[in-house]
PDB file of N, CA and C in Angstrom:
ATOM      1  N   MET A   1     -79.189  16.046  -2.062  1.00  0.00           N
ATOM      2  CA  MET A   1     -79.470  17.440  -1.837  1.00  0.00           C
ATOM      3  C   MET A   1     -80.949  17.683  -2.130  1.00  0.00           C
ATOM      4  N   ASN A   2     -81.608  18.384  -1.231  1.00  0.00           N
ATOM      5  CA  ASN A   2     -83.016  18.744  -1.397  1.00  0.00           C
ATOM      6  C   ASN A   2     -83.118  20.223  -1.734  1.00  0.00           C
ATOM      7  N   VAL A   3     -83.942  20.534  -2.706  1.00  0.00           N
ATOM      8  CA  VAL A   3     -84.148  21.913  -3.122  1.00  0.00           C
ATOM      9  C   VAL A   3     -85.618  22.269  -2.905  1.00  0.00           C
ATOM     10  N   TYR A   4     -85.847  23.418  -2.284  1.00  0.00           N
ATOM     11  CA  TYR A   4     -87.191  23.924  -2.028  1.00  0.00           C
ATOM     12  C   TYR A   4     -87.294  25.327  -2.611  1.00  0.00           C
ATOM     13  N   ILE A   5     -88.419  25.626  -3.239  1.00  0.00           N
ATOM     14  CA  ILE A   5     -88.650  26.955  -3.796  1.00  0.00           C
ATOM     15  C   ILE A   5     -90.020  27.439  -3.319  1.00  0.00           C
ATOM     16  N   TYR A   6     -90.016  28.575  -2.644  1.00  0.00           N
ATOM     17  CA  TYR A   6     -91.239  29.133  -2.073  1.00  0.00           C
ATOM     18  C   TYR A   6     -91.379  30.600  -2.459  1.00  0.00           C
ATOM     19  N   PRO A   7     -92.626  31.057  -2.615  1.00  0.00           N
ATOM     20  CA  PRO A   7     -92.831  32.489  -2.836  1.00  0.00           C
ATOM     21  C   PRO A   7     -92.625  33.251  -1.531  1.00  0.00           C
ATOM     22  N   ALA A   8     -92.043  34.429  -1.672  1.00  0.00           N
ATOM     23  CA  ALA A   8     -91.811  35.305  -0.526  1.00  0.00           C
ATOM     24  C   ALA A   8     -92.398  36.672  -0.853  1.00  0.00           C
ATOM     25  N   VAL A   9     -92.967  37.309   0.149  1.00  0.00           N
ATOM     26  CA  VAL A   9     -93.505  38.658  -0.020  1.00  0.00           C
ATOM     27  C   VAL A   9     -92.502  39.634   0.584  1.00  0.00           C
ATOM     28  N   PHE A  10     -92.114  40.612  -0.212  1.00  0.00           N
ATOM     29  CA  PHE A  10     -91.160  41.636   0.209  1.00  0.00           C
ATOM     30  C   PHE A  10     -91.939  42.904   0.556  1.00  0.00           C
ATOM     31  N   HIS A  11     -91.772  43.349   1.802  1.00  0.00           N
ATOM     32  CA  HIS A  11     -92.497  44.511   2.319  1.00  0.00           C
ATOM     33  C   HIS A  11     -91.483  45.646   2.532  1.00  0.00           C
ATOM     34  N   PRO A  12     -91.399  46.620   1.617  1.00  0.00           N
ATOM     35  CA  PRO A  12     -90.490  47.758   1.837  1.00  0.00           C
ATOM     36  C   PRO A  12     -90.926  48.577   3.055  1.00  0.00           C
ATOM     37  N   ASN A  13     -89.964  48.967   3.874  1.00  0.00           N
ATOM     38  CA  ASN A  13     -90.228  49.761   5.072  1.00  0.00           C
ATOM     39  C   ASN A  13     -89.833  51.212   4.837  1.00  0.00           C
ATOM     40  N   ASP A  14     -90.329  52.093   5.676  1.00  0.00           N
ATOM     41  CA  ASP A  14     -90.054  53.525   5.532  1.00  0.00           C
ATOM     42  C   ASP A  14     -88.573  53.861   5.635  1.00  0.00           C
ATOM     43  N   ASP A  15     -87.801  53.070   6.381  1.00  0.00           N
ATOM     44  CA  ASP A  15     -86.370  53.353   6.561  1.00  0.00           C
ATOM     45  C   ASP A  15     -85.500  52.761   5.444  1.00  0.00           C
ATOM     46  N   GLY A  16     -86.126  52.182   4.411  1.00  0.00           N
ATOM     47  CA  GLY A  16     -85.371  51.609   3.301  1.00  0.00           C
ATOM     48  C   GLY A  16     -85.117  50.118   3.446  1.00  0.00           C
ATOM     49  N   SER A  17     -85.330  49.598   4.640  1.00  0.00           N
ATOM     50  CA  SER A  17     -85.152  48.160   4.837  1.00  0.00           C
ATOM     51  C   SER A  17     -86.340  47.416   4.230  1.00  0.00           C
ATOM     52  N   ILE A  18     -86.181  46.113   4.093  1.00  0.00           N
ATOM     53  CA  ILE A  18     -87.243  45.299   3.505  1.00  0.00           C
ATOM     54  C   ILE A  18     -87.481  44.083   4.379  1.00  0.00           C
ATOM     55  N   THR A  19     -88.724  43.891   4.802  1.00  0.00           N
ATOM     56  CA  THR A  19     -89.117  42.718   5.575  1.00  0.00           C
ATOM     57  C   THR A  19     -89.611  41.660   4.597  1.00  0.00           C
ATOM     58  N   VAL A  20     -89.234  40.409   4.843  1.00  0.00           N
ATOM     59  CA  VAL A  20     -89.616  39.312   3.957  1.00  0.00           C
ATOM     60  C   VAL A  20     -90.395  38.274   4.755  1.00  0.00           C
ATOM     61  N   THR A  21     -91.572  37.905   4.234  1.00  0.00           N
ATOM     62  CA  THR A  21     -92.374  36.851   4.850  1.00  0.00           C
ATOM     63  C   THR A  21     -92.667  35.780   3.803  1.00  0.00           C
ATOM     64  N   PHE A  22     -92.969  34.594   4.291  1.00  0.00           N
ATOM     65  CA  PHE A  22     -93.280  33.461   3.425  1.00  0.00           C
ATOM     66  C   PHE A  22     -94.707  33.008   3.734  1.00  0.00           C
ATOM     67  N   PRO A  23     -95.649  33.217   2.803  1.00  0.00           N
ATOM     68  CA  PRO A  23     -97.052  32.878   3.060  1.00  0.00           C
ATOM     69  C   PRO A  23     -97.267  31.421   3.475  1.00  0.00           C
ATOM     70  N   ASP A  24     -96.450  30.506   2.977  1.00  0.00           N
ATOM     71  CA  ASP A  24     -96.622  29.086   3.276  1.00  0.00           C
ATOM     72  C   ASP A  24     -95.890  28.642   4.533  1.00  0.00           C
ATOM     73  N   LEU A  25     -95.083  29.539   5.105  1.00  0.00           N
ATOM     74  CA  LEU A  25     -94.270  29.190   6.269  1.00  0.00           C
ATOM     75  C   LEU A  25     -94.488  30.224   7.370  1.00  0.00           C
ATOM     76  N   PRO A  26     -95.641  30.167   8.037  1.00  0.00           N
ATOM     77  CA  PRO A  26     -95.933  31.155   9.086  1.00  0.00           C
ATOM     78  C   PRO A  26     -94.821  31.188  10.140  1.00  0.00           C
ATOM     79  N   GLY A  27     -94.350  32.383  10.429  1.00  0.00           N
ATOM     80  CA  GLY A  27     -93.279  32.545  11.406  1.00  0.00           C
ATOM     81  C   GLY A  27     -91.907  32.652  10.779  1.00  0.00           C
ATOM     82  N   CYS A  28     -91.768  32.286   9.523  1.00  0.00           N
ATOM     83  CA  CYS A  28     -90.487  32.419   8.818  1.00  0.00           C
ATOM     84  C   CYS A  28     -90.430  33.834   8.260  1.00  0.00           C
ATOM     85  N   ILE A  29     -89.676  34.680   8.944  1.00  0.00           N
ATOM     86  CA  ILE A  29     -89.600  36.104   8.609  1.00  0.00           C
ATOM     87  C   ILE A  29     -88.138  36.519   8.602  1.00  0.00           C
ATOM     88  N   SER A  30     -87.805  37.421   7.708  1.00  0.00           N
ATOM     89  CA  SER A  30     -86.452  37.950   7.660  1.00  0.00           C
ATOM     90  C   SER A  30     -86.508  39.415   7.273  1.00  0.00           C
ATOM     91  N   GLU A  31     -85.360  40.057   7.301  1.00  0.00           N
ATOM     92  CA  GLU A  31     -85.299  41.466   6.934  1.00  0.00           C
ATOM     93  C   GLU A  31     -83.913  41.778   6.411  1.00  0.00           C
ATOM     94  N   GLY A  32     -83.856  42.692   5.459  1.00  0.00           N
ATOM     95  CA  GLY A  32     -82.581  43.144   4.923  1.00  0.00           C
ATOM     96  C   GLY A  32     -82.533  44.648   4.865  1.00  0.00           C
ATOM     97  N   LYS A  33     -81.319  45.183   4.892  1.00  0.00           N
ATOM     98  CA  LYS A  33     -81.179  46.645   4.886  1.00  0.00           C
ATOM     99  C   LYS A  33     -81.459  47.259   3.518  1.00  0.00           C
ATOM    100  N   ASP A  34     -81.374  46.425   2.463  1.00  0.00           N
ATOM    101  CA  ASP A  34     -81.730  46.847   1.108  1.00  0.00           C
ATOM    102  C   ASP A  34     -82.175  45.597   0.348  1.00  0.00           C
ATOM    103  N   LEU A  35     -82.516  45.735  -0.930  1.00  0.00           N
ATOM    104  CA  LEU A  35     -83.045  44.600  -1.677  1.00  0.00           C
ATOM    105  C   LEU A  35     -82.043  43.453  -1.775  1.00  0.00           C
ATOM    106  N   SER A  36     -80.810  43.767  -2.088  1.00  0.00           N
ATOM    107  CA  SER A  36     -79.797  42.724  -2.214  1.00  0.00           C
ATOM    108  C   SER A  36     -79.642  41.954  -0.907  1.00  0.00           C
ATOM    109  N   ASN A  37     -79.561  42.685   0.188  1.00  0.00           N
ATOM    110  CA  ASN A  37     -79.414  42.055   1.500  1.00  0.00           C
ATOM    111  C   ASN A  37     -80.673  41.291   1.884  1.00  0.00           C
ATOM    112  N   ALA A  38     -81.845  41.817   1.523  1.00  0.00           N
ATOM    113  CA  ALA A  38     -83.108  41.136   1.832  1.00  0.00           C
ATOM    114  C   ALA A  38     -83.204  39.801   1.093  1.00  0.00           C
ATOM    115  N   LEU A  39     -82.763  39.754  -0.165  1.00  0.00           N
ATOM    116  CA  LEU A  39     -82.755  38.498  -0.914  1.00  0.00           C
ATOM    117  C   LEU A  39     -81.835  37.484  -0.254  1.00  0.00           C
ATOM    118  N   PHE A  40     -80.651  37.932   0.142  1.00  0.00           N
ATOM    119  CA  PHE A  40     -79.691  37.050   0.824  1.00  0.00           C
ATOM    120  C   PHE A  40     -80.270  36.539   2.149  1.00  0.00           C
ATOM    121  N   MET A  41     -80.845  37.445   2.922  1.00  0.00           N
ATOM    122  CA  MET A  41     -81.402  37.077   4.222  1.00  0.00           C
ATOM    123  C   MET A  41     -82.611  36.157   4.069  1.00  0.00           C
ATOM    124  N   ALA A  42     -83.415  36.359   3.023  1.00  0.00           N
ATOM    125  CA  ALA A  42     -84.578  35.504   2.772  1.00  0.00           C
ATOM    126  C   ALA A  42     -84.117  34.077   2.467  1.00  0.00           C
ATOM    127  N   GLN A  43     -83.089  33.952   1.652  1.00  0.00           N
ATOM    128  CA  GLN A  43     -82.579  32.618   1.320  1.00  0.00           C
ATOM    129  C   GLN A  43     -82.013  31.942   2.575  1.00  0.00           C
ATOM    130  N   SER A  44     -81.315  32.692   3.380  1.00  0.00           N
ATOM    131  CA  SER A  44     -80.782  32.151   4.628  1.00  0.00           C
ATOM    132  C   SER A  44     -81.908  31.712   5.559  1.00  0.00           C
ATOM    133  N   ALA A  45     -82.942  32.535   5.685  1.00  0.00           N
ATOM    134  CA  ALA A  45     -84.066  32.226   6.584  1.00  0.00           C
ATOM    135  C   ALA A  45     -84.800  30.968   6.146  1.00  0.00           C
ATOM    136  N   ILE A  46     -85.094  30.855   4.855  1.00  0.00           N
ATOM    137  CA  ILE A  46     -85.849  29.688   4.395  1.00  0.00           C
ATOM    138  C   ILE A  46     -84.988  28.422   4.483  1.00  0.00           C
ATOM    139  N   THR A  47     -83.698  28.553   4.244  1.00  0.00           N
ATOM    140  CA  THR A  47     -82.813  27.390   4.367  1.00  0.00           C
ATOM    141  C   THR A  47     -82.798  26.897   5.807  1.00  0.00           C
ATOM    142  N   GLN A  48     -82.648  27.808   6.764  1.00  0.00           N
ATOM    143  CA  GLN A  48     -82.650  27.420   8.177  1.00  0.00           C
ATOM    144  C   GLN A  48     -84.008  26.848   8.582  1.00  0.00           C
ATOM    145  N   TRP A  49     -85.076  27.420   8.053  1.00  0.00           N
ATOM    146  CA  TRP A  49     -86.428  26.940   8.370  1.00  0.00           C
ATOM    147  C   TRP A  49     -86.594  25.507   7.883  1.00  0.00           C
ATOM    148  N   MET A  50     -86.172  25.245   6.655  1.00  0.00           N
ATOM    149  CA  MET A  50     -86.296  23.898   6.081  1.00  0.00           C
ATOM    150  C   MET A  50     -85.397  22.898   6.816  1.00  0.00           C
ATOM    151  N   GLU A  51     -84.221  23.337   7.216  1.00  0.00           N
ATOM    152  CA  GLU A  51     -83.335  22.464   7.994  1.00  0.00           C
ATOM    153  C   GLU A  51     -83.996  22.085   9.314  1.00  0.00           C
ATOM    154  N   TYR A  52     -84.620  23.065   9.965  1.00  0.00           N
ATOM    155  CA  TYR A  52     -85.316  22.797  11.227  1.00  0.00           C
ATOM    156  C   TYR A  52     -86.449  21.799  11.017  1.00  0.00           C
ATOM    157  N   LEU A  53     -87.286  22.043   9.995  1.00  0.00           N
ATOM    158  CA  LEU A  53     -88.405  21.129   9.736  1.00  0.00           C
ATOM    159  C   LEU A  53     -87.903  19.718   9.436  1.00  0.00           C
ATOM    160  N   THR A  54     -86.836  19.630   8.660  1.00  0.00           N
ATOM    161  CA  THR A  54     -86.276  18.325   8.304  1.00  0.00           C
ATOM    162  C   THR A  54     -85.733  17.606   9.538  1.00  0.00           C
ATOM    163  N   GLU A  55     -84.942  18.329  10.347  1.00  0.00           N
ATOM    164  CA  GLU A  55     -84.343  17.720  11.539  1.00  0.00           C
ATOM    165  C   GLU A  55     -85.389  17.304  12.564  1.00  0.00           C
ATOM    166  N   SER A  56     -86.447  18.078  12.679  1.00  0.00           N
ATOM    167  CA  SER A  56     -87.484  17.750  13.658  1.00  0.00           C
ATOM    168  C   SER A  56     -88.550  16.820  13.088  1.00  0.00           C
ATOM    169  N   LYS A  57     -88.343  16.406  11.837  1.00  0.00           N
ATOM    170  CA  LYS A  57     -89.262  15.486  11.151  1.00  0.00           C
ATOM    171  C   LYS A  57     -90.691  16.041  11.078  1.00  0.00           C
ATOM    172  N   ALA A  58     -90.781  17.365  11.020  1.00  0.00           N
ATOM    173  CA  ALA A  58     -92.075  18.022  10.870  1.00  0.00           C
ATOM    174  C   ALA A  58     -92.470  18.005   9.393  1.00  0.00           C
ATOM    175  N   PRO A  59     -93.766  18.036   9.117  1.00  0.00           N
ATOM    176  CA  PRO A  59     -94.182  18.053   7.704  1.00  0.00           C
ATOM    177  C   PRO A  59     -93.756  19.352   7.024  1.00  0.00           C
ATOM    178  N   ILE A  60     -93.331  19.235   5.789  1.00  0.00           N
ATOM    179  CA  ILE A  60     -92.938  20.401   5.009  1.00  0.00           C
ATOM    180  C   ILE A  60     -94.113  20.766   4.099  1.00  0.00           C
ATOM    181  N   PRO A  61     -94.692  21.952   4.313  1.00  0.00           N
ATOM    182  CA  PRO A  61     -95.858  22.327   3.510  1.00  0.00           C
ATOM    183  C   PRO A  61     -95.491  22.542   2.046  1.00  0.00           C
ATOM    184  N   ALA A  62     -96.436  22.238   1.182  1.00  0.00           N
ATOM    185  CA  ALA A  62     -96.240  22.476  -0.244  1.00  0.00           C
ATOM    186  C   ALA A  62     -96.315  23.974  -0.504  1.00  0.00           C
ATOM    187  N   PRO A  63     -95.477  24.474  -1.396  1.00  0.00           N
ATOM    188  CA  PRO A  63     -95.556  25.900  -1.707  1.00  0.00           C
ATOM    189  C   PRO A  63     -96.792  26.208  -2.554  1.00  0.00           C
ATOM    190  N   CYS A  64     -97.378  27.358  -2.304  1.00  0.00           N
ATOM    191  CA  CYS A  64     -98.523  27.770  -3.115  1.00  0.00           C
ATOM    192  C   CYS A  64     -98.022  28.274  -4.469  1.00  0.00           C
ATOM    193  N   ASP A  65     -98.938  28.456  -5.373  1.00  0.00           N
ATOM    194  CA  ASP A  65     -98.612  29.013  -6.679  1.00  0.00           C
ATOM    195  C   ASP A  65     -98.317  30.497  -6.497  1.00  0.00           C
ATOM    196  N   VAL A  66     -97.202  30.952  -7.008  1.00  0.00           N
ATOM    197  CA  VAL A  66     -96.805  32.346  -6.843  1.00  0.00           C
ATOM    198  C   VAL A  66     -97.876  33.298  -7.370  1.00  0.00           C
ATOM    199  N   ARG A  67     -98.662  32.869  -8.350  1.00  0.00           N
ATOM    200  CA  ARG A  67     -99.728  33.716  -8.910  1.00  0.00           C
ATOM    201  C   ARG A  67    -100.900  33.894  -7.949  1.00  0.00           C
ATOM    202  N   ASP A  68    -100.955  33.046  -6.909  1.00  0.00           N
ATOM    203  CA  ASP A  68    -102.039  33.137  -5.934  1.00  0.00           C
ATOM    204  C   ASP A  68    -101.707  34.049  -4.752  1.00  0.00           C
ATOM    205  N   VAL A  69    -100.482  34.539  -4.699  1.00  0.00           N
ATOM    206  CA  VAL A  69    -100.062  35.398  -3.586  1.00  0.00           C
ATOM    207  C   VAL A  69    -100.479  36.835  -3.887  1.00  0.00           C
ATOM    208  N   THR A  70    -101.199  37.429  -2.944  1.00  0.00           N
ATOM    209  CA  THR A  70    -101.637  38.816  -3.120  1.00  0.00           C
ATOM    210  C   THR A  70    -100.731  39.747  -2.325  1.00  0.00           C
ATOM    211  N   CYS A  71    -100.561  40.934  -2.857  1.00  0.00           N
ATOM    212  CA  CYS A  71     -99.700  41.930  -2.218  1.00  0.00           C
ATOM    213  C   CYS A  71    -100.486  43.208  -1.971  1.00  0.00           C
ATOM    214  N   ASP A  72    -100.041  43.961  -0.989  1.00  0.00           N
ATOM    215  CA  ASP A  72    -100.636  45.259  -0.684  1.00  0.00           C
ATOM    216  C   ASP A  72     -99.668  46.362  -1.106  1.00  0.00           C
ATOM    217  N   GLY A  73    -100.201  47.459  -1.564  1.00  0.00           N
ATOM    218  CA  GLY A  73     -99.405  48.655  -1.842  1.00  0.00           C
ATOM    219  C   GLY A  73     -98.138  48.409  -2.624  1.00  0.00           C
ATOM    220  N   ASN A  74     -97.003  48.676  -1.977  1.00  0.00           N
ATOM    221  CA  ASN A  74     -95.719  48.574  -2.669  1.00  0.00           C
ATOM    222  C   ASN A  74     -95.001  47.242  -2.412  1.00  0.00           C
ATOM    223  N   GLU A  75     -95.723  46.241  -1.931  1.00  0.00           N
ATOM    224  CA  GLU A  75     -95.134  44.916  -1.726  1.00  0.00           C
ATOM    225  C   GLU A  75     -94.967  44.218  -3.077  1.00  0.00           C
ATOM    226  N   PHE A  76     -94.072  43.239  -3.111  1.00  0.00           N
ATOM    227  CA  PHE A  76     -93.927  42.425  -4.313  1.00  0.00           C
ATOM    228  C   PHE A  76     -93.546  41.005  -3.910  1.00  0.00           C
ATOM    229  N   VAL A  77     -93.731  40.069  -4.831  1.00  0.00           N
ATOM    230  CA  VAL A  77     -93.462  38.651  -4.574  1.00  0.00           C
ATOM    231  C   VAL A  77     -92.280  38.193  -5.423  1.00  0.00           C
ATOM    232  N   SER A  78     -91.460  37.350  -4.845  1.00  0.00           N
ATOM    233  CA  SER A  78     -90.354  36.727  -5.571  1.00  0.00           C
ATOM    234  C   SER A  78     -90.218  35.295  -5.067  1.00  0.00           C
ATOM    235  N   LEU A  79     -89.701  34.436  -5.910  1.00  0.00           N
ATOM    236  CA  LEU A  79     -89.442  33.061  -5.493  1.00  0.00           C
ATOM    237  C   LEU A  79     -88.065  32.979  -4.849  1.00  0.00           C
ATOM    238  N   ILE A  80     -87.993  32.246  -3.742  1.00  0.00           N
ATOM    239  CA  ILE A  80     -86.736  32.071  -3.015  1.00  0.00           C
ATOM    240  C   ILE A  80     -86.414  30.586  -2.964  1.00  0.00           C
ATOM    241  N   ARG A  81     -85.162  30.263  -3.217  1.00  0.00           N
ATOM    242  CA  ARG A  81     -84.694  28.875  -3.298  1.00  0.00           C
ATOM    243  C   ARG A  81     -83.860  28.520  -2.075  1.00  0.00           C
ATOM    244  N   ALA A  82     -84.169  27.377  -1.488  1.00  0.00           N
ATOM    245  CA  ALA A  82     -83.384  26.832  -0.370  1.00  0.00           C
ATOM    246  C   ALA A  82     -82.792  25.504  -0.819  1.00  0.00           C
ATOM    247  N   GLU A  83     -81.511  25.343  -0.604  1.00  0.00           N
ATOM    248  CA  GLU A  83     -80.818  24.118  -0.987  1.00  0.00           C
ATOM    249  C   GLU A  83     -80.237  23.491   0.283  1.00  0.00           C
ATOM    250  N   LEU A  84     -80.750  22.317   0.645  1.00  0.00           N
ATOM    251  CA  LEU A  84     -80.277  21.638   1.846  1.00  0.00           C
ATOM    252  C   LEU A  84     -79.290  20.553   1.468  1.00  0.00           C
ATOM    253  N   LYS A  85     -78.129  20.612   2.108  1.00  0.00           N
ATOM    254  CA  LYS A  85     -77.090  19.618   1.874  1.00  0.00           C
ATOM    255  C   LYS A  85     -77.016  18.711   3.089  1.00  0.00           C
ATOM    256  N   ASP A  86     -76.820  17.437   2.847  1.00  0.00           N
ATOM    257  CA  ASP A  86     -76.671  16.465   3.932  1.00  0.00           C
ATOM    258  C   ASP A  86     -75.271  16.615   4.508  1.00  0.00           C
ATOM    259  N   SER A  87     -75.167  17.136   5.725  1.00  0.00           N
ATOM    260  CA  SER A  87     -73.869  17.414   6.333  1.00  0.00           C
ATOM    261  C   SER A  87     -73.400  16.334   7.291  1.00  0.00           C
ATOM    262  N   ARG A  88     -74.074  15.192   7.261  1.00  0.00           N
ATOM    263  CA  ARG A  88     -73.625  14.112   8.148  1.00  0.00           C
ATOM    264  C   ARG A  88     -72.237  13.639   7.726  1.00  0.00           C
ATOM    265  N   ALA A  89     -71.426  13.296   8.703  1.00  0.00           N
ATOM    266  CA  ALA A  89     -70.067  12.822   8.428  1.00  0.00           C
ATOM    267  C   ALA A  89     -70.107  11.390   7.895  1.00  0.00           C
ATOM    268  N   VAL A  90     -69.232  11.122   6.952  1.00  0.00           N
ATOM    269  CA  VAL A  90     -69.060   9.763   6.426  1.00  0.00           C
ATOM    270  C   VAL A  90     -67.587   9.405   6.540  1.00  0.00           C
ATOM    271  N   LYS A  91     -67.335   8.145   6.799  1.00  0.00           N
ATOM    272  CA  LYS A  91     -65.946   7.687   6.894  1.00  0.00           C
ATOM    273  C   LYS A  91     -65.451   7.323   5.510  1.00  0.00           C
ATOM    274  N   ARG A  92     -64.240   7.791   5.189  1.00  0.00           N
ATOM    275  CA  ARG A  92     -63.581   7.476   3.927  1.00  0.00           C
ATOM    276  C   ARG A  92     -62.146   7.092   4.248  1.00  0.00           C
ATOM    277  N   THR A  93     -61.600   6.208   3.465  1.00  0.00           N
ATOM    278  CA  THR A  93     -60.195   5.844   3.625  1.00  0.00           C
ATOM    279  C   THR A  93     -59.393   6.647   2.616  1.00  0.00           C
ATOM    280  N   VAL A  94     -58.413   7.383   3.110  1.00  0.00           N
ATOM    281  CA  VAL A  94     -57.553   8.160   2.222  1.00  0.00           C
ATOM    282  C   VAL A  94     -56.106   7.775   2.470  1.00  0.00           C
ATOM    283  N   SER A  95     -55.303   7.953   1.452  1.00  0.00           N
ATOM    284  CA  SER A  95     -53.870   7.673   1.568  1.00  0.00           C
ATOM    285  C   SER A  95     -53.102   8.956   1.312  1.00  0.00           C
ATOM    286  N   ILE A  96     -52.149   9.247   2.202  1.00  0.00           N
ATOM    287  CA  ILE A  96     -51.278  10.401   2.018  1.00  0.00           C
ATOM    288  C   ILE A  96     -49.851   9.950   2.291  1.00  0.00           C
ATOM    289  N   PRO A  97     -48.880  10.664   1.770  1.00  0.00           N
ATOM    290  CA  PRO A  97     -47.488  10.302   2.056  1.00  0.00           C
ATOM    291  C   PRO A  97     -47.189  10.407   3.553  1.00  0.00           C
ATOM    292  N   LYS A  98     -46.315   9.546   4.011  1.00  0.00           N
ATOM    293  CA  LYS A  98     -45.964   9.496   5.430  1.00  0.00           C
ATOM    294  C   LYS A  98     -45.487  10.848   5.943  1.00  0.00           C
ATOM    295  N   TRP A  99     -44.664  11.554   5.135  1.00  0.00           N
ATOM    296  CA  TRP A  99     -44.149  12.840   5.595  1.00  0.00           C
ATOM    297  C   TRP A  99     -45.269  13.843   5.847  1.00  0.00           C
ATOM    298  N   MET A 100     -46.359  13.779   5.029  1.00  0.00           N
ATOM    299  CA  MET A 100     -47.497  14.677   5.251  1.00  0.00           C
ATOM    300  C   MET A 100     -48.200  14.335   6.552  1.00  0.00           C
ATOM    301  N   ASP A 101     -48.358  13.039   6.802  1.00  0.00           N
ATOM    302  CA  ASP A 101     -49.001  12.601   8.041  1.00  0.00           C
ATOM    303  C   ASP A 101     -48.202  13.085   9.247  1.00  0.00           C
ATOM    304  N   GLU A 102     -46.879  13.008   9.139  1.00  0.00           N
ATOM    305  CA  GLU A 102     -46.018  13.461  10.247  1.00  0.00           C
ATOM    306  C   GLU A 102     -46.144  14.970  10.453  1.00  0.00           C
ATOM    307  N   LYS A 103     -46.200  15.734   9.344  1.00  0.00           N
ATOM    308  CA  LYS A 103     -46.348  17.190   9.445  1.00  0.00           C
ATOM    309  C   LYS A 103     -47.701  17.576  10.049  1.00  0.00           C
ATOM    310  N   VAL A 104     -48.728  16.828   9.687  1.00  0.00           N
ATOM    311  CA  VAL A 104     -50.057  17.067  10.250  1.00  0.00           C
ATOM    312  C   VAL A 104     -49.998  16.898  11.766  1.00  0.00           C
ATOM    313  N   ALA A 105     -49.396  15.804  12.216  1.00  0.00           N
ATOM    314  CA  ALA A 105     -49.279  15.538  13.654  1.00  0.00           C
ATOM    315  C   ALA A 105     -48.423  16.601  14.343  1.00  0.00           C
ATOM    316  N   GLU A 106     -47.289  16.965  13.731  1.00  0.00           N
ATOM    317  CA  GLU A 106     -46.395  17.977  14.314  1.00  0.00           C
ATOM    318  C   GLU A 106     -47.101  19.319  14.515  1.00  0.00           C
ATOM    319  N   ASN A 107     -47.974  19.650  13.591  1.00  0.00           N
ATOM    320  CA  ASN A 107     -48.652  20.944  13.636  1.00  0.00           C
ATOM    321  C   ASN A 107     -49.983  20.908  14.381  1.00  0.00           C
ATOM    322  N   GLY A 108     -50.318  19.749  14.934  1.00  0.00           N
ATOM    323  CA  GLY A 108     -51.549  19.637  15.709  1.00  0.00           C
ATOM    324  C   GLY A 108     -52.804  19.859  14.871  1.00  0.00           C
ATOM    325  N   LEU A 109     -52.740  19.498  13.604  1.00  0.00           N
ATOM    326  CA  LEU A 109     -53.878  19.687  12.714  1.00  0.00           C
ATOM    327  C   LEU A 109     -54.783  18.465  12.716  1.00  0.00           C
ATOM    328  N   SER A 110     -56.018  18.687  12.355  1.00  0.00           N
ATOM    329  CA  SER A 110     -56.968  17.604  12.150  1.00  0.00           C
ATOM    330  C   SER A 110     -56.986  17.313  10.657  1.00  0.00           C
ATOM    331  N   LEU A 111     -56.585  16.116  10.288  1.00  0.00           N
ATOM    332  CA  LEU A 111     -56.563  15.749   8.876  1.00  0.00           C
ATOM    333  C   LEU A 111     -57.965  15.850   8.277  1.00  0.00           C
ATOM    334  N   SER A 112     -58.982  15.460   9.032  1.00  0.00           N
ATOM    335  CA  SER A 112     -60.361  15.561   8.543  1.00  0.00           C
ATOM    336  C   SER A 112     -60.736  17.011   8.261  1.00  0.00           C
ATOM    337  N   ARG A 113     -60.395  17.911   9.168  1.00  0.00           N
ATOM    338  CA  ARG A 113     -60.732  19.334   8.999  1.00  0.00           C
ATOM    339  C   ARG A 113     -59.994  19.917   7.791  1.00  0.00           C
ATOM    340  N   VAL A 114     -58.695  19.596   7.655  1.00  0.00           N
ATOM    341  CA  VAL A 114     -57.917  20.111   6.527  1.00  0.00           C
ATOM    342  C   VAL A 114     -58.516  19.617   5.212  1.00  0.00           C
ATOM    343  N   LEU A 115     -58.875  18.345   5.154  1.00  0.00           N
ATOM    344  CA  LEU A 115     -59.464  17.777   3.943  1.00  0.00           C
ATOM    345  C   LEU A 115     -60.812  18.444   3.638  1.00  0.00           C
ATOM    346  N   GLN A 116     -61.646  18.632   4.656  1.00  0.00           N
ATOM    347  CA  GLN A 116     -62.944  19.281   4.446  1.00  0.00           C
ATOM    348  C   GLN A 116     -62.768  20.707   3.936  1.00  0.00           C
ATOM    349  N   ASP A 117     -61.851  21.443   4.557  1.00  0.00           N
ATOM    350  CA  ASP A 117     -61.616  22.833   4.129  1.00  0.00           C
ATOM    351  C   ASP A 117     -61.106  22.885   2.686  1.00  0.00           C
ATOM    352  N   ALA A 118     -60.183  21.997   2.360  1.00  0.00           N
ATOM    353  CA  ALA A 118     -59.631  21.965   1.002  1.00  0.00           C
ATOM    354  C   ALA A 118     -60.706  21.612  -0.019  1.00  0.00           C
ATOM    355  N   LEU A 119     -61.522  20.638   0.307  1.00  0.00           N
ATOM    356  CA  LEU A 119     -62.597  20.243  -0.614  1.00  0.00           C
ATOM    357  C   LEU A 119     -63.634  21.355  -0.761  1.00  0.00           C
ATOM    358  N   ARG A 120     -63.954  22.020   0.352  1.00  0.00           N
ATOM    359  CA  ARG A 120     -64.925  23.119   0.301  1.00  0.00           C
ATOM    360  C   ARG A 120     -64.401  24.217  -0.610  1.00  0.00           C
ATOM    361  N   ASP A 121     -63.105  24.558  -0.468  1.00  0.00           N
ATOM    362  CA  ASP A 121     -62.497  25.591  -1.326  1.00  0.00           C
ATOM    363  C   ASP A 121     -62.492  25.142  -2.782  1.00  0.00           C
ATOM    364  N   ARG A 122     -62.113  23.916  -3.008  1.00  0.00           N
ATOM    365  CA  ARG A 122     -61.999  23.389  -4.375  1.00  0.00           C
ATOM    366  C   ARG A 122     -63.356  23.305  -5.062  1.00  0.00           C
ATOM    367  N   LEU A 123     -64.398  22.969  -4.293  1.00  0.00           N
ATOM    368  CA  LEU A 123     -65.743  22.808  -4.853  1.00  0.00           C
ATOM    369  C   LEU A 123     -66.524  24.123  -4.873  1.00  0.00           C
ATOM    370  N   GLY A 124     -65.959  25.137  -4.238  1.00  0.00           N
ATOM    371  CA  GLY A 124     -66.648  26.433  -4.180  1.00  0.00           C
ATOM    372  C   GLY A 124     -67.913  26.374  -3.349  1.00  0.00           C
ATOM    373  N   ALA A 125     -67.913  25.505  -2.345  1.00  0.00           N
ATOM    374  CA  ALA A 125     -69.109  25.322  -1.512  1.00  0.00           C
ATOM    375  C   ALA A 125     -69.020  26.126  -0.238  1.00  0.00           C
TER     376      ALA A 125
END
């Protein structure tokens, strides 16, 4: 798992929404209807941005020091964290009782999908 932390500038808008930009990632912009939503959207935007850079093998710029970011008027800076998980599939051998395997087939389920969903729920991911 790769973790990236970048400063983000929050620009409050007249309608109450907040636009978020990342000084080190030109073009990475997001917006939220309020502060809570803007924080969520900023994390989503930077995560997708980092995934794109990683997949395209583009260089990932180093984040600047948050103390070096300047703001205008009512803007403010906050650090935003992106956590990239390796989602490539891996083969694993699992054993289940025969009756479960038969029920899976009868119900047209994908054993891989059921296992992934169960693990995601169990791990809180």
